[in-house]
Amino acid sequence: MKYEGTVYRPPSEARSWILQATIGCSHNRCTFCSMYKDKSFRIRKTEELIQEIHEARRQFGKLTRIFIADGDALMIRNEDLLSLIGELKSTFPECQRIGIYASPKSIHLKTEDELKRLNEAGLGIAYLGLESGSDDILQMVKKGETSEGIISAGKKIKEAGLKLSVTVISGLGGREKWEEHAKETAQAVNRIRPDFLGLLTLMLEPGTELWNQVQADGFTVLSPYEIAQETLLMLKNLDSPGCVFRSNHASNYVALKGTLNEDREGMISTLENALADGDFKEEWMRRL
């Protein structure tokens, strides 16, 4: 397979075959992100991608899950994306799910009818980064979108019949805005009602703009204990029945998983017990 640079995918797509239909991220300005910095965003030719699909069939045989990368593959023109999905479904009729990374911008550029057509063709799930529900924090990290814009994008995906997985980042507001981050992010999630919610922990990467801000004392990173406090406040404000919640990524200090709202109290108890034990070490700080 032909891959350019480092290829990223969501944790839940660990066993999926990855079709790199776009190179890089269409936005690529977030201060906390080190992904795709070695790439300029572009969309690959459909003919070339169809050849890779056929090669994957010869090489791997049956595939049950496929993920369309890179960072914002939903930017592909709808007719071309429909062609790709159609080719994937006909080449791998056993495929159970096709996923894709999406941004608020790429979602808003498509009509609801276009998104419905993608779903009907076989696109099953879209991954959307909310990061924070606070407009101040979104502006601070140069997300390029308001909370309202991300909320409406998420609702649009859901209304088109697609499954939606939303990601938020613990600690993104720093010590200065941790309560705002927890409460307003929970409120945004409650309005979107995603099918899946993944809570990652901020990991500082050398060379990123946010890393430089920390070195200049312009951003105070939360300690592991403070991250747990913030997560607890967020959980107490979450009200999104049926949403599968995961906070068990390698970046997380306390592993949590369950379905909202039925498992919320159990996860709150887990966090409260962890905070009461106080077994958090400063060397766990997520700095690479």
C-alpha atoms as a PDB file:
ATOM      1  CA  MET A   1       0.000   0.000   0.000  1.00  0.00           C
ATOM      2  CA  LYS A   2       1.123   3.554  -0.683  1.00  0.00           C
ATOM      3  CA  TYR A   3       1.260   5.688   2.474  1.00  0.00           C
ATOM      4  CA  GLU A   4       2.731   9.161   2.757  1.00  0.00           C
ATOM      5  CA  GLY A   5       4.173  10.254   6.102  1.00  0.00           C
ATOM      6  CA  THR A   6       2.763   9.139   9.439  1.00  0.00           C
ATOM      7  CA  VAL A   7      -0.788   7.823   9.182  1.00  0.00           C
ATOM      8  CA  TYR A   8      -3.132   8.398  12.130  1.00  0.00           C
ATOM      9  CA  ARG A   9      -6.412   6.715  12.990  1.00  0.00           C
ATOM     10  CA  PRO A  10      -8.843   6.642  15.951  1.00  0.00           C
ATOM     11  CA  PRO A  11      -8.130   4.031  18.666  1.00  0.00           C
ATOM     12  CA  SER A  12     -11.313   2.154  17.720  1.00  0.00           C
ATOM     13  CA  GLU A  13     -10.000   1.694  14.165  1.00  0.00           C
ATOM     14  CA  ALA A  14      -6.930  -0.241  15.346  1.00  0.00           C
ATOM     15  CA  ARG A  15      -7.851  -3.315  13.282  1.00  0.00           C
ATOM     16  CA  SER A  16      -9.145  -1.469  10.239  1.00  0.00           C
ATOM     17  CA  TRP A  17      -7.469  -1.284   6.862  1.00  0.00           C
ATOM     18  CA  ILE A  18      -6.582   2.370   6.248  1.00  0.00           C
ATOM     19  CA  LEU A  19      -7.152   3.983   2.861  1.00  0.00           C
ATOM     20  CA  GLN A  20      -5.182   7.248   2.791  1.00  0.00           C
ATOM     21  CA  ALA A  21      -7.527   9.175   0.511  1.00  0.00           C
ATOM     22  CA  THR A  22      -6.299  12.614   1.600  1.00  0.00           C
ATOM     23  CA  ILE A  23      -2.870  13.748   2.711  1.00  0.00           C
ATOM     24  CA  GLY A  24      -2.696  15.779   5.912  1.00  0.00           C
ATOM     25  CA  CYS A  25      -5.316  17.949   7.597  1.00  0.00           C
ATOM     26  CA  SER A  26      -7.287  20.721   5.914  1.00  0.00           C
ATOM     27  CA  HIS A  27      -7.000  22.961   8.993  1.00  0.00           C
ATOM     28  CA  ASN A  28      -3.703  21.933  10.610  1.00  0.00           C
ATOM     29  CA  ARG A  29      -3.423  25.013  12.867  1.00  0.00           C
ATOM     30  CA  CYS A  30      -4.426  23.690  16.309  1.00  0.00           C
ATOM     31  CA  THR A  31      -1.816  24.762  18.858  1.00  0.00           C
ATOM     32  CA  PHE A  32      -1.836  21.424  20.717  1.00  0.00           C
ATOM     33  CA  CYS A  33      -1.509  19.152  17.686  1.00  0.00           C
ATOM     34  CA  SER A  34       1.715  17.818  16.178  1.00  0.00           C
ATOM     35  CA  MET A  35       0.000  15.579  13.613  1.00  0.00           C
ATOM     36  CA  TYR A  36       0.367  16.191   9.868  1.00  0.00           C
ATOM     37  CA  LYS A  37       2.920  18.997  10.292  1.00  0.00           C
ATOM     38  CA  ASP A  38       5.132  17.372   7.668  1.00  0.00           C
ATOM     39  CA  LYS A  39       2.338  17.412   5.074  1.00  0.00           C
ATOM     40  CA  SER A  40       0.408  19.880   2.936  1.00  0.00           C
ATOM     41  CA  PHE A  41      -3.251  19.004   2.589  1.00  0.00           C
ATOM     42  CA  ARG A  42      -4.334  17.530  -0.716  1.00  0.00           C
ATOM     43  CA  ILE A  43      -6.844  15.036  -2.057  1.00  0.00           C
ATOM     44  CA  ARG A  44      -5.532  12.017  -3.921  1.00  0.00           C
ATOM     45  CA  LYS A  45      -6.866  10.995  -7.335  1.00  0.00           C
ATOM     46  CA  THR A  46      -9.852   8.663  -7.280  1.00  0.00           C
ATOM     47  CA  GLU A  47      -8.374   6.407  -9.973  1.00  0.00           C
ATOM     48  CA  GLU A  48      -5.230   5.859  -7.905  1.00  0.00           C
ATOM     49  CA  LEU A  49      -7.265   5.045  -4.802  1.00  0.00           C
ATOM     50  CA  ILE A  50      -9.432   2.525  -6.667  1.00  0.00           C
ATOM     51  CA  GLN A  51      -6.263   0.727  -7.762  1.00  0.00           C
ATOM     52  CA  GLU A  52      -5.171   0.542  -4.105  1.00  0.00           C
ATOM     53  CA  ILE A  53      -8.555  -0.889  -3.123  1.00  0.00           C
ATOM     54  CA  HIS A  54      -8.109  -3.713  -5.624  1.00  0.00           C
ATOM     55  CA  GLU A  55      -4.534  -4.268  -4.455  1.00  0.00           C
ATOM     56  CA  ALA A  56      -5.769  -4.506  -0.861  1.00  0.00           C
ATOM     57  CA  ARG A  57      -8.200  -7.227  -1.915  1.00  0.00           C
ATOM     58  CA  ARG A  58      -5.391  -9.209  -3.504  1.00  0.00           C
ATOM     59  CA  GLN A  59      -3.100  -8.686  -0.541  1.00  0.00           C
ATOM     60  CA  PHE A  60      -5.442  -9.036   2.433  1.00  0.00           C
ATOM     61  CA  GLY A  61      -8.442 -10.921   1.111  1.00  0.00           C
ATOM     62  CA  LYS A  62     -11.459 -10.156   3.273  1.00  0.00           C
ATOM     63  CA  LEU A  63     -11.693  -6.941   5.303  1.00  0.00           C
ATOM     64  CA  THR A  64     -14.425  -6.301   7.852  1.00  0.00           C
ATOM     65  CA  ARG A  65     -13.480  -2.719   8.777  1.00  0.00           C
ATOM     66  CA  ILE A  66     -12.061   0.098   6.677  1.00  0.00           C
ATOM     67  CA  PHE A  67     -11.031   3.608   7.706  1.00  0.00           C
ATOM     68  CA  ILE A  68     -10.657   6.489   5.240  1.00  0.00           C
ATOM     69  CA  ALA A  69      -7.785   8.818   6.234  1.00  0.00           C
ATOM     70  CA  ASP A  70      -6.023  11.344   6.599  1.00  0.00           C
ATOM     71  CA  GLY A  71      -7.180  14.086   8.922  1.00  0.00           C
ATOM     72  CA  ASP A  72     -10.243  15.364   7.068  1.00  0.00           C
ATOM     73  CA  ALA A  73     -11.150  12.932   4.302  1.00  0.00           C
ATOM     74  CA  LEU A  74     -14.750  14.175   4.317  1.00  0.00           C
ATOM     75  CA  MET A  75     -13.357  17.125   2.352  1.00  0.00           C
ATOM     76  CA  ILE A  76     -13.382  14.906  -0.747  1.00  0.00           C
ATOM     77  CA  ARG A  77     -15.972  15.931  -3.320  1.00  0.00           C
ATOM     78  CA  ASN A  78     -19.158  13.988  -2.621  1.00  0.00           C
ATOM     79  CA  GLU A  79     -19.375  12.214  -5.982  1.00  0.00           C
ATOM     80  CA  ASP A  80     -15.753  11.055  -5.667  1.00  0.00           C
ATOM     81  CA  LEU A  81     -16.332   9.895  -2.106  1.00  0.00           C
ATOM     82  CA  LEU A  82     -19.434   8.005  -3.219  1.00  0.00           C
ATOM     83  CA  SER A  83     -17.343   6.311  -5.917  1.00  0.00           C
ATOM     84  CA  LEU A  84     -14.734   5.279  -3.357  1.00  0.00           C
ATOM     85  CA  ILE A  85     -17.305   3.933  -0.906  1.00  0.00           C
ATOM     86  CA  GLY A  86     -19.089   2.095  -3.705  1.00  0.00           C
ATOM     87  CA  GLU A  87     -15.804   0.504  -4.789  1.00  0.00           C
ATOM     88  CA  LEU A  88     -15.008  -0.483  -1.211  1.00  0.00           C
ATOM     89  CA  LYS A  89     -18.430  -2.093  -0.713  1.00  0.00           C
ATOM     90  CA  SER A  90     -18.325  -4.006  -4.004  1.00  0.00           C
ATOM     91  CA  THR A  91     -14.710  -5.129  -3.497  1.00  0.00           C
ATOM     92  CA  PHE A  92     -15.236  -6.052   0.165  1.00  0.00           C
ATOM     93  CA  PRO A  93     -18.896  -7.113   0.459  1.00  0.00           C
ATOM     94  CA  GLU A  94     -18.097  -8.597   3.882  1.00  0.00           C
ATOM     95  CA  CYS A  95     -17.086  -5.164   5.227  1.00  0.00           C
ATOM     96  CA  GLN A  96     -19.154  -4.300   8.290  1.00  0.00           C
ATOM     97  CA  ARG A  97     -18.159  -0.671   8.760  1.00  0.00           C
ATOM     98  CA  ILE A  98     -16.460   2.175   6.915  1.00  0.00           C
ATOM     99  CA  GLY A  99     -15.290   5.153   8.984  1.00  0.00           C
ATOM    100  CA  ILE A 100     -13.875   8.593   8.225  1.00  0.00           C
ATOM    101  CA  TYR A 101     -12.321  11.607   9.933  1.00  0.00           C
ATOM    102  CA  ALA A 102     -14.428  14.758   9.603  1.00  0.00           C
ATOM    103  CA  SER A 103     -14.055  18.400  10.596  1.00  0.00           C
ATOM    104  CA  PRO A 104     -16.789  20.964  11.284  1.00  0.00           C
ATOM    105  CA  LYS A 105     -15.802  22.687   8.028  1.00  0.00           C
ATOM    106  CA  SER A 106     -16.058  19.583   5.852  1.00  0.00           C
ATOM    107  CA  ILE A 107     -19.412  18.697   7.425  1.00  0.00           C
ATOM    108  CA  HIS A 108     -20.827  22.171   6.833  1.00  0.00           C
ATOM    109  CA  LEU A 109     -19.629  22.124   3.220  1.00  0.00           C
ATOM    110  CA  LYS A 110     -21.876  19.146   2.544  1.00  0.00           C
ATOM    111  CA  THR A 111     -25.651  19.274   2.442  1.00  0.00           C
ATOM    112  CA  GLU A 112     -27.660  16.954   4.657  1.00  0.00           C
ATOM    113  CA  ASP A 113     -28.775  15.124   1.513  1.00  0.00           C
ATOM    114  CA  GLU A 114     -25.139  14.557   0.501  1.00  0.00           C
ATOM    115  CA  LEU A 115     -24.350  13.149   3.933  1.00  0.00           C
ATOM    116  CA  LYS A 116     -27.410  10.884   3.751  1.00  0.00           C
ATOM    117  CA  ARG A 117     -26.230   9.590   0.375  1.00  0.00           C
ATOM    118  CA  LEU A 118     -22.853   8.751   1.873  1.00  0.00           C
ATOM    119  CA  ASN A 119     -24.559   6.872   4.674  1.00  0.00           C
ATOM    120  CA  GLU A 120     -26.803   4.991   2.241  1.00  0.00           C
ATOM    121  CA  ALA A 121     -23.752   4.095   0.149  1.00  0.00           C
ATOM    122  CA  GLY A 122     -22.075   2.485   3.156  1.00  0.00           C
ATOM    123  CA  LEU A 123     -20.301   5.133   5.224  1.00  0.00           C
ATOM    124  CA  GLY A 124     -21.055   4.138   8.793  1.00  0.00           C
ATOM    125  CA  ILE A 125     -19.276   6.437  11.235  1.00  0.00           C
ATOM    126  CA  ALA A 126     -17.633   9.863  11.346  1.00  0.00           C
ATOM    127  CA  TYR A 127     -15.055  10.998  13.912  1.00  0.00           C
ATOM    128  CA  LEU A 128     -15.284  14.635  14.991  1.00  0.00           C
ATOM    129  CA  GLY A 129     -12.987  16.560  17.331  1.00  0.00           C
ATOM    130  CA  LEU A 130     -14.916  18.820  19.710  1.00  0.00           C
ATOM    131  CA  GLU A 131     -11.864  19.268  21.961  1.00  0.00           C
ATOM    132  CA  SER A 132     -13.712  21.760  24.204  1.00  0.00           C
ATOM    133  CA  GLY A 133     -17.147  23.294  24.523  1.00  0.00           C
ATOM    134  CA  SER A 134     -15.682  26.655  25.545  1.00  0.00           C
ATOM    135  CA  ASP A 135     -15.410  29.281  22.824  1.00  0.00           C
ATOM    136  CA  ASP A 136     -12.569  30.966  24.705  1.00  0.00           C
ATOM    137  CA  ILE A 137     -10.566  27.737  24.750  1.00  0.00           C
ATOM    138  CA  LEU A 138     -11.377  26.894  21.130  1.00  0.00           C
ATOM    139  CA  GLN A 139     -10.136  30.329  20.106  1.00  0.00           C
ATOM    140  CA  MET A 140      -7.065  29.981  22.313  1.00  0.00           C
ATOM    141  CA  VAL A 141      -6.037  26.676  20.692  1.00  0.00           C
ATOM    142  CA  LYS A 142      -6.894  27.957  17.181  1.00  0.00           C
ATOM    143  CA  LYS A 143      -9.476  25.279  16.465  1.00  0.00           C
ATOM    144  CA  GLY A 144     -10.934  27.491  13.753  1.00  0.00           C
ATOM    145  CA  GLU A 145     -14.534  26.947  14.832  1.00  0.00           C
ATOM    146  CA  THR A 146     -16.949  27.972  17.579  1.00  0.00           C
ATOM    147  CA  SER A 147     -18.661  25.544  19.904  1.00  0.00           C
ATOM    148  CA  GLU A 148     -21.967  26.302  18.178  1.00  0.00           C
ATOM    149  CA  GLY A 149     -20.416  25.455  14.830  1.00  0.00           C
ATOM    150  CA  ILE A 150     -19.111  22.121  16.100  1.00  0.00           C
ATOM    151  CA  ILE A 151     -22.403  21.303  17.823  1.00  0.00           C
ATOM    152  CA  SER A 152     -24.402  21.964  14.649  1.00  0.00           C
ATOM    153  CA  ALA A 153     -21.915  19.892  12.627  1.00  0.00           C
ATOM    154  CA  GLY A 154     -22.298  16.980  15.013  1.00  0.00           C
ATOM    155  CA  LYS A 155     -26.094  17.197  14.898  1.00  0.00           C
ATOM    156  CA  LYS A 156     -25.956  17.277  11.110  1.00  0.00           C
ATOM    157  CA  ILE A 157     -23.991  14.019  11.029  1.00  0.00           C
ATOM    158  CA  LYS A 158     -26.499  12.382  13.348  1.00  0.00           C
ATOM    159  CA  GLU A 159     -29.485  13.620  11.356  1.00  0.00           C
ATOM    160  CA  ALA A 160     -27.979  12.098   8.212  1.00  0.00           C
ATOM    161  CA  GLY A 161     -28.085   8.675   9.857  1.00  0.00           C
ATOM    162  CA  LEU A 162     -24.353   8.303  10.480  1.00  0.00           C
ATOM    163  CA  LYS A 163     -22.880   7.152  13.768  1.00  0.00           C
ATOM    164  CA  LEU A 164     -20.874   9.915  15.427  1.00  0.00           C
ATOM    165  CA  SER A 165     -17.786   9.617  17.613  1.00  0.00           C
ATOM    166  CA  VAL A 166     -16.716  12.825  19.368  1.00  0.00           C
ATOM    167  CA  THR A 167     -13.353  13.476  20.993  1.00  0.00           C
ATOM    168  CA  VAL A 168     -12.618  15.944  23.794  1.00  0.00           C
ATOM    169  CA  ILE A 169      -9.291  16.705  25.498  1.00  0.00           C
ATOM    170  CA  SER A 170      -8.869  16.847  29.263  1.00  0.00           C
ATOM    171  CA  GLY A 171      -6.725  19.711  30.465  1.00  0.00           C
ATOM    172  CA  LEU A 172      -7.045  21.762  27.286  1.00  0.00           C
ATOM    173  CA  GLY A 173      -8.019  24.892  29.214  1.00  0.00           C
ATOM    174  CA  GLY A 174      -5.088  24.611  31.592  1.00  0.00           C
ATOM    175  CA  ARG A 175      -5.323  25.530  35.250  1.00  0.00           C
ATOM    176  CA  GLU A 176      -6.783  28.901  34.311  1.00  0.00           C
ATOM    177  CA  LYS A 177      -9.952  27.521  32.679  1.00  0.00           C
ATOM    178  CA  TRP A 178     -10.423  23.973  33.949  1.00  0.00           C
ATOM    179  CA  GLU A 179     -13.910  24.499  35.390  1.00  0.00           C
ATOM    180  CA  GLU A 180     -15.093  26.341  32.291  1.00  0.00           C
ATOM    181  CA  HIS A 181     -13.683  23.554  30.133  1.00  0.00           C
ATOM    182  CA  ALA A 182     -15.400  20.803  32.160  1.00  0.00           C
ATOM    183  CA  LYS A 183     -18.838  22.398  32.333  1.00  0.00           C
ATOM    184  CA  GLU A 184     -19.102  23.867  28.837  1.00  0.00           C
ATOM    185  CA  THR A 185     -17.707  20.744  27.197  1.00  0.00           C
ATOM    186  CA  ALA A 186     -20.313  18.642  28.980  1.00  0.00           C
ATOM    187  CA  GLN A 187     -23.036  21.046  27.827  1.00  0.00           C
ATOM    188  CA  ALA A 188     -21.845  20.802  24.218  1.00  0.00           C
ATOM    189  CA  VAL A 189     -21.812  16.996  24.343  1.00  0.00           C
ATOM    190  CA  ASN A 190     -25.305  16.988  25.842  1.00  0.00           C
ATOM    191  CA  ARG A 191     -26.562  18.968  22.855  1.00  0.00           C
ATOM    192  CA  ILE A 192     -24.796  16.849  20.245  1.00  0.00           C
ATOM    193  CA  ARG A 193     -25.780  13.467  21.761  1.00  0.00           C
ATOM    194  CA  PRO A 194     -22.983  11.520  20.023  1.00  0.00           C
ATOM    195  CA  ASP A 195     -22.989   7.733  19.833  1.00  0.00           C
ATOM    196  CA  PHE A 196     -19.460   7.596  21.226  1.00  0.00           C
ATOM    197  CA  LEU A 197     -17.463  10.000  23.374  1.00  0.00           C
ATOM    198  CA  GLY A 198     -13.706   9.651  23.777  1.00  0.00           C
ATOM    199  CA  LEU A 199     -11.939  11.631  26.495  1.00  0.00           C
ATOM    200  CA  LEU A 200      -8.201  11.977  25.902  1.00  0.00           C
ATOM    201  CA  THR A 201      -5.680  13.796  28.096  1.00  0.00           C
ATOM    202  CA  LEU A 202      -3.621  16.688  26.751  1.00  0.00           C
ATOM    203  CA  MET A 203      -0.156  15.503  25.733  1.00  0.00           C
ATOM    204  CA  LEU A 204       2.356  18.252  25.133  1.00  0.00           C
ATOM    205  CA  GLU A 205       4.453  17.733  22.031  1.00  0.00           C
ATOM    206  CA  PRO A 206       7.753  19.581  21.511  1.00  0.00           C
ATOM    207  CA  GLY A 207       7.566  21.985  18.606  1.00  0.00           C
ATOM    208  CA  THR A 208       3.864  22.698  18.915  1.00  0.00           C
ATOM    209  CA  GLU A 209       2.659  26.208  19.629  1.00  0.00           C
ATOM    210  CA  LEU A 210       1.140  25.105  22.934  1.00  0.00           C
ATOM    211  CA  TRP A 211       4.460  23.560  24.008  1.00  0.00           C
ATOM    212  CA  ASN A 212       6.130  26.901  23.409  1.00  0.00           C
ATOM    213  CA  GLN A 213       3.438  28.679  25.421  1.00  0.00           C
ATOM    214  CA  VAL A 214       4.080  26.374  28.373  1.00  0.00           C
ATOM    215  CA  GLN A 215       7.824  27.045  28.223  1.00  0.00           C
ATOM    216  CA  ALA A 216       7.067  30.785  28.265  1.00  0.00           C
ATOM    217  CA  ASP A 217       4.723  30.368  31.270  1.00  0.00           C
ATOM    218  CA  GLY A 218       1.736  31.295  29.130  1.00  0.00           C
ATOM    219  CA  PHE A 219      -0.172  28.099  29.930  1.00  0.00           C
ATOM    220  CA  THR A 220      -0.272  26.100  33.172  1.00  0.00           C
ATOM    221  CA  VAL A 221      -0.613  22.343  32.657  1.00  0.00           C
ATOM    222  CA  LEU A 222      -2.953  20.501  35.014  1.00  0.00           C
ATOM    223  CA  SER A 223      -1.444  17.933  37.336  1.00  0.00           C
ATOM    224  CA  PRO A 224      -2.766  14.345  37.205  1.00  0.00           C
ATOM    225  CA  TYR A 225      -4.822  15.055  40.335  1.00  0.00           C
ATOM    226  CA  GLU A 226      -6.313  18.194  38.745  1.00  0.00           C
ATOM    227  CA  ILE A 227      -7.108  16.265  35.548  1.00  0.00           C
ATOM    228  CA  ALA A 228      -9.108  13.805  37.662  1.00  0.00           C
ATOM    229  CA  GLN A 229     -10.955  16.708  39.314  1.00  0.00           C
ATOM    230  CA  GLU A 230     -11.781  18.198  35.933  1.00  0.00           C
ATOM    231  CA  THR A 231     -12.983  14.838  34.582  1.00  0.00           C
ATOM    232  CA  LEU A 232     -15.156  14.364  37.654  1.00  0.00           C
ATOM    233  CA  LEU A 233     -16.810  17.747  37.135  1.00  0.00           C
ATOM    234  CA  MET A 234     -17.350  16.968  33.459  1.00  0.00           C
ATOM    235  CA  LEU A 235     -18.936  13.586  34.241  1.00  0.00           C
ATOM    236  CA  LYS A 236     -21.275  15.146  36.801  1.00  0.00           C
ATOM    237  CA  ASN A 237     -22.539  17.528  34.107  1.00  0.00           C
ATOM    238  CA  LEU A 238     -22.853  14.982  31.281  1.00  0.00           C
ATOM    239  CA  ASP A 239     -26.404  14.038  30.280  1.00  0.00           C
ATOM    240  CA  SER A 240     -26.294  12.069  27.033  1.00  0.00           C
ATOM    241  CA  PRO A 241     -28.268   8.812  27.362  1.00  0.00           C
ATOM    242  CA  GLY A 242     -26.988   5.910  25.270  1.00  0.00           C
ATOM    243  CA  CYS A 243     -23.604   7.482  24.563  1.00  0.00           C
ATOM    244  CA  VAL A 244     -20.708   5.026  24.924  1.00  0.00           C
ATOM    245  CA  PHE A 245     -18.082   6.797  27.045  1.00  0.00           C
ATOM    246  CA  ARG A 246     -14.404   5.893  26.968  1.00  0.00           C
ATOM    247  CA  SER A 247     -11.516   7.439  28.888  1.00  0.00           C
ATOM    248  CA  ASN A 248      -9.114   4.504  28.736  1.00  0.00           C
ATOM    249  CA  HIS A 249      -6.607   5.760  26.176  1.00  0.00           C
ATOM    250  CA  ALA A 250      -2.876   5.489  26.941  1.00  0.00           C
ATOM    251  CA  SER A 251      -2.935   9.238  27.720  1.00  0.00           C
ATOM    252  CA  ASN A 252      -5.472   8.881  30.541  1.00  0.00           C
ATOM    253  CA  TYR A 253      -4.486   8.611  34.205  1.00  0.00           C
ATOM    254  CA  VAL A 254      -7.649   6.821  35.405  1.00  0.00           C
ATOM    255  CA  ALA A 255      -9.279   4.304  33.064  1.00  0.00           C
ATOM    256  CA  LEU A 256     -13.026   4.810  32.726  1.00  0.00           C
ATOM    257  CA  LYS A 257     -15.574   3.189  30.444  1.00  0.00           C
ATOM    258  CA  GLY A 258     -19.307   2.822  30.413  1.00  0.00           C
ATOM    259  CA  THR A 259     -22.542   3.930  28.801  1.00  0.00           C
ATOM    260  CA  LEU A 260     -24.165   7.220  29.705  1.00  0.00           C
ATOM    261  CA  ASN A 261     -26.208   7.829  31.667  1.00  0.00           C
ATOM    262  CA  GLU A 262     -26.615   4.390  33.252  1.00  0.00           C
ATOM    263  CA  ASP A 263     -22.943   3.929  34.180  1.00  0.00           C
ATOM    264  CA  ARG A 264     -22.206   7.552  35.044  1.00  0.00           C
ATOM    265  CA  GLU A 265     -22.527   7.155  38.820  1.00  0.00           C
ATOM    266  CA  GLY A 266     -20.198   4.162  38.799  1.00  0.00           C
ATOM    267  CA  MET A 267     -17.560   6.101  36.865  1.00  0.00           C
ATOM    268  CA  ILE A 268     -17.993   9.061  39.223  1.00  0.00           C
ATOM    269  CA  SER A 269     -17.393   6.718  42.176  1.00  0.00           C
ATOM    270  CA  THR A 270     -14.242   5.359  40.506  1.00  0.00           C
ATOM    271  CA  LEU A 271     -12.884   8.887  40.123  1.00  0.00           C
ATOM    272  CA  GLU A 272     -13.888   9.944  43.626  1.00  0.00           C
ATOM    273  CA  ASN A 273     -12.109   6.897  45.060  1.00  0.00           C
ATOM    274  CA  ALA A 274      -8.999   7.682  42.989  1.00  0.00           C
ATOM    275  CA  LEU A 275      -9.033  11.268  44.234  1.00  0.00           C
ATOM    276  CA  ALA A 276      -9.522  10.130  47.840  1.00  0.00           C
ATOM    277  CA  ASP A 277      -6.565   7.738  47.538  1.00  0.00           C
ATOM    278  CA  GLY A 278      -4.496  10.573  46.081  1.00  0.00           C
ATOM    279  CA  ASP A 279      -2.108   8.170  44.340  1.00  0.00           C
ATOM    280  CA  PHE A 280      -1.130  10.553  41.540  1.00  0.00           C
ATOM    281  CA  LYS A 281       2.508  11.131  40.680  1.00  0.00           C
ATOM    282  CA  GLU A 282       3.886  14.288  39.131  1.00  0.00           C
ATOM    283  CA  GLU A 283       6.154  12.235  36.858  1.00  0.00           C
ATOM    284  CA  TRP A 284       2.987  11.077  35.108  1.00  0.00           C
ATOM    285  CA  MET A 285       2.680  14.525  33.541  1.00  0.00           C
ATOM    286  CA  ARG A 286       1.922  14.077  29.849  1.00  0.00           C
ATOM    287  CA  ARG A 287       4.980  15.782  28.425  1.00  0.00           C
ATOM    288  CA  LEU A 288       6.864  13.992  25.666  1.00  0.00           C
END
